[in-house]
Amino acid sequence: MEWIVRDADQKVETGRDRPVMFGDRHFDGPEEIPGLGVVYTLRAWIFKDNPRGVFHPWNPRVTCP
């Protein structure tokens, strides 16, 4: 599962508007994604166990062919 929230000011240098989910889970970013602009992201590994944690951005057990 991945949530993507557009950055209000569209500036990578600022992070004042970083979103929070579940009360204390801060989104990663900001980062610029081509076609989306500057965004914050939050990933949750709900179908595949992630040894680094449910909210870690990358899962070492998942690879692309």
N, C-alpha and C. Protein backbone atom coordinates (compact mmCIF):
# COMPACT_ATOMS: atom_id res chain seq x y z
N MET A 1 0.86 -1.15 0.00
CA MET A 1 0.00 0.00 0.00
C MET A 1 0.91 1.22 0.00
N GLU A 2 0.57 2.20 -0.83
CA GLU A 2 1.37 3.43 -0.85
C GLU A 2 0.44 4.64 -0.90
N TRP A 3 0.72 5.59 -0.04
CA TRP A 3 0.01 6.86 -0.05
C TRP A 3 0.94 7.91 -0.62
N ILE A 4 0.41 8.78 -1.45
CA ILE A 4 1.17 9.88 -2.03
C ILE A 4 0.39 11.17 -1.80
N VAL A 5 1.07 12.16 -1.22
CA VAL A 5 0.45 13.46 -0.95
C VAL A 5 1.31 14.53 -1.61
N ARG A 6 0.68 15.35 -2.45
CA ARG A 6 1.41 16.45 -3.11
C ARG A 6 1.84 17.48 -2.08
N ASP A 7 3.06 17.98 -2.27
CA ASP A 7 3.60 19.02 -1.41
C ASP A 7 2.92 20.34 -1.75
N ALA A 8 2.45 21.04 -0.75
CA ALA A 8 1.67 22.26 -0.98
C ALA A 8 2.45 23.34 -1.73
N ASP A 9 3.72 23.55 -1.35
CA ASP A 9 4.48 24.62 -2.01
C ASP A 9 5.33 24.13 -3.18
N GLN A 10 5.36 22.82 -3.41
CA GLN A 10 6.12 22.21 -4.51
C GLN A 10 7.60 22.55 -4.47
N LYS A 11 8.16 22.68 -3.26
CA LYS A 11 9.59 22.95 -3.08
C LYS A 11 10.21 21.82 -2.27
N VAL A 12 11.20 21.14 -2.86
CA VAL A 12 11.87 20.04 -2.18
C VAL A 12 12.61 20.52 -0.93
N GLU A 13 13.04 21.78 -0.94
CA GLU A 13 13.84 22.32 0.17
C GLU A 13 13.06 22.48 1.46
N THR A 14 11.75 22.52 1.41
CA THR A 14 10.96 22.77 2.62
C THR A 14 10.24 21.49 3.05
N GLY A 15 9.97 21.40 4.34
CA GLY A 15 9.26 20.24 4.86
C GLY A 15 8.25 20.60 5.93
N ARG A 16 7.85 21.86 5.94
CA ARG A 16 6.93 22.33 6.98
C ARG A 16 5.57 21.67 6.91
N ASP A 17 5.17 21.22 5.72
CA ASP A 17 3.83 20.66 5.56
C ASP A 17 3.84 19.13 5.46
N ARG A 18 4.84 18.48 6.05
CA ARG A 18 4.95 17.02 6.02
C ARG A 18 3.70 16.40 6.65
N PRO A 19 3.00 15.54 5.91
CA PRO A 19 1.80 14.91 6.46
C PRO A 19 2.14 13.83 7.51
N VAL A 20 1.17 13.56 8.35
CA VAL A 20 1.29 12.53 9.39
C VAL A 20 0.06 11.64 9.29
N MET A 21 0.26 10.34 9.44
CA MET A 21 -0.86 9.41 9.42
C MET A 21 -0.81 8.55 10.68
N PHE A 22 -1.94 8.10 11.14
CA PHE A 22 -2.06 7.26 12.34
C PHE A 22 -1.54 7.95 13.59
N GLY A 23 -1.53 9.28 13.57
CA GLY A 23 -1.16 10.04 14.75
C GLY A 23 0.32 10.33 14.91
N ASP A 24 1.20 9.40 14.48
CA ASP A 24 2.63 9.61 14.71
C ASP A 24 3.52 9.12 13.56
N ARG A 25 2.94 8.67 12.48
CA ARG A 25 3.72 8.13 11.36
C ARG A 25 3.93 9.23 10.33
N HIS A 26 5.14 9.79 10.29
CA HIS A 26 5.46 10.86 9.34
C HIS A 26 5.75 10.28 7.96
N PHE A 27 5.28 10.95 6.93
CA PHE A 27 5.54 10.55 5.56
C PHE A 27 7.01 10.79 5.22
N ASP A 28 7.54 10.03 4.25
CA ASP A 28 8.90 10.24 3.74
C ASP A 28 8.87 11.35 2.71
N GLY A 29 10.00 12.02 2.53
CA GLY A 29 10.08 13.07 1.52
C GLY A 29 10.38 14.41 2.16
N PRO A 30 10.20 15.46 1.40
CA PRO A 30 9.63 15.49 0.06
C PRO A 30 10.64 15.05 -1.01
N GLU A 31 10.11 14.54 -2.10
CA GLU A 31 10.92 14.17 -3.25
C GLU A 31 10.15 14.53 -4.52
N GLU A 32 10.90 14.74 -5.58
CA GLU A 32 10.27 15.08 -6.84
C GLU A 32 10.12 13.82 -7.68
N ILE A 33 8.90 13.54 -8.12
CA ILE A 33 8.61 12.38 -8.97
C ILE A 33 8.11 12.92 -10.30
N PRO A 34 8.79 12.57 -11.39
CA PRO A 34 8.37 13.06 -12.71
C PRO A 34 6.89 12.75 -12.98
N GLY A 35 6.18 13.76 -13.40
CA GLY A 35 4.76 13.61 -13.69
C GLY A 35 3.85 13.89 -12.51
N LEU A 36 4.40 13.85 -11.29
CA LEU A 36 3.61 14.12 -10.09
C LEU A 36 4.02 15.41 -9.40
N GLY A 37 5.25 15.82 -9.60
CA GLY A 37 5.76 16.99 -8.91
C GLY A 37 6.41 16.59 -7.60
N VAL A 38 6.40 17.49 -6.64
CA VAL A 38 7.01 17.25 -5.33
C VAL A 38 5.96 16.61 -4.44
N VAL A 39 6.32 15.46 -3.86
CA VAL A 39 5.35 14.69 -3.08
C VAL A 39 5.99 14.12 -1.82
N TYR A 40 5.14 13.70 -0.91
CA TYR A 40 5.51 12.91 0.26
C TYR A 40 4.91 11.52 0.04
N THR A 41 5.59 10.49 0.53
CA THR A 41 5.09 9.13 0.36
C THR A 41 5.12 8.38 1.69
N LEU A 42 4.24 7.41 1.79
CA LEU A 42 4.23 6.51 2.94
C LEU A 42 3.83 5.14 2.42
N ARG A 43 4.65 4.14 2.71
CA ARG A 43 4.37 2.77 2.27
C ARG A 43 4.08 1.90 3.47
N ALA A 44 3.18 0.94 3.29
CA ALA A 44 2.87 -0.06 4.32
C ALA A 44 2.88 -1.43 3.65
N TRP A 45 3.71 -2.31 4.15
CA TRP A 45 3.81 -3.67 3.62
C TRP A 45 2.76 -4.51 4.32
N ILE A 46 1.60 -4.69 3.68
CA ILE A 46 0.49 -5.39 4.33
C ILE A 46 0.28 -6.81 3.82
N PHE A 47 0.80 -7.15 2.65
CA PHE A 47 0.64 -8.49 2.11
C PHE A 47 1.94 -9.29 2.09
N LYS A 48 3.07 -8.64 2.29
CA LYS A 48 4.38 -9.29 2.27
C LYS A 48 5.14 -8.81 3.48
N ASP A 49 5.55 -9.74 4.35
CA ASP A 49 6.29 -9.37 5.55
C ASP A 49 7.58 -8.64 5.18
N ASN A 50 7.83 -7.53 5.85
CA ASN A 50 9.06 -6.78 5.64
C ASN A 50 9.89 -6.87 6.92
N PRO A 51 11.07 -7.50 6.87
CA PRO A 51 11.88 -7.64 8.09
C PRO A 51 12.35 -6.30 8.66
N ARG A 52 12.30 -5.25 7.86
CA ARG A 52 12.71 -3.92 8.34
C ARG A 52 11.56 -3.14 8.97
N GLY A 53 10.35 -3.67 8.89
CA GLY A 53 9.20 -3.02 9.49
C GLY A 53 8.10 -2.72 8.49
N VAL A 54 6.89 -2.66 8.97
CA VAL A 54 5.72 -2.45 8.12
C VAL A 54 5.82 -1.17 7.31
N PHE A 55 6.36 -0.10 7.89
CA PHE A 55 6.38 1.20 7.22
C PHE A 55 7.74 1.55 6.58
N HIS A 56 8.66 0.61 6.52
CA HIS A 56 9.95 0.90 5.86
C HIS A 56 9.70 1.06 4.36
N PRO A 57 10.32 2.05 3.71
CA PRO A 57 10.03 2.31 2.29
C PRO A 57 10.33 1.15 1.35
N TRP A 58 11.36 0.35 1.65
CA TRP A 58 11.75 -0.72 0.73
C TRP A 58 11.78 -2.06 1.46
N ASN A 59 11.40 -3.11 0.75
CA ASN A 59 11.37 -4.45 1.31
C ASN A 59 12.45 -5.30 0.62
N PRO A 60 13.46 -5.78 1.36
CA PRO A 60 14.53 -6.56 0.75
C PRO A 60 14.06 -7.91 0.20
N ARG A 61 12.88 -8.34 0.57
CA ARG A 61 12.34 -9.62 0.10
C ARG A 61 11.59 -9.50 -1.23
N VAL A 62 11.45 -8.28 -1.73
CA VAL A 62 10.72 -8.05 -2.98
C VAL A 62 11.70 -7.60 -4.05
N THR A 63 11.65 -8.26 -5.20
CA THR A 63 12.49 -7.87 -6.33
C THR A 63 11.65 -7.77 -7.58
N CYS A 64 12.10 -7.00 -8.52
CA CYS A 64 11.44 -6.89 -9.82
C CYS A 64 12.16 -7.81 -10.80
N PRO A 65 11.41 -8.47 -11.67
CA PRO A 65 12.05 -9.37 -12.64
C PRO A 65 12.98 -8.63 -13.59
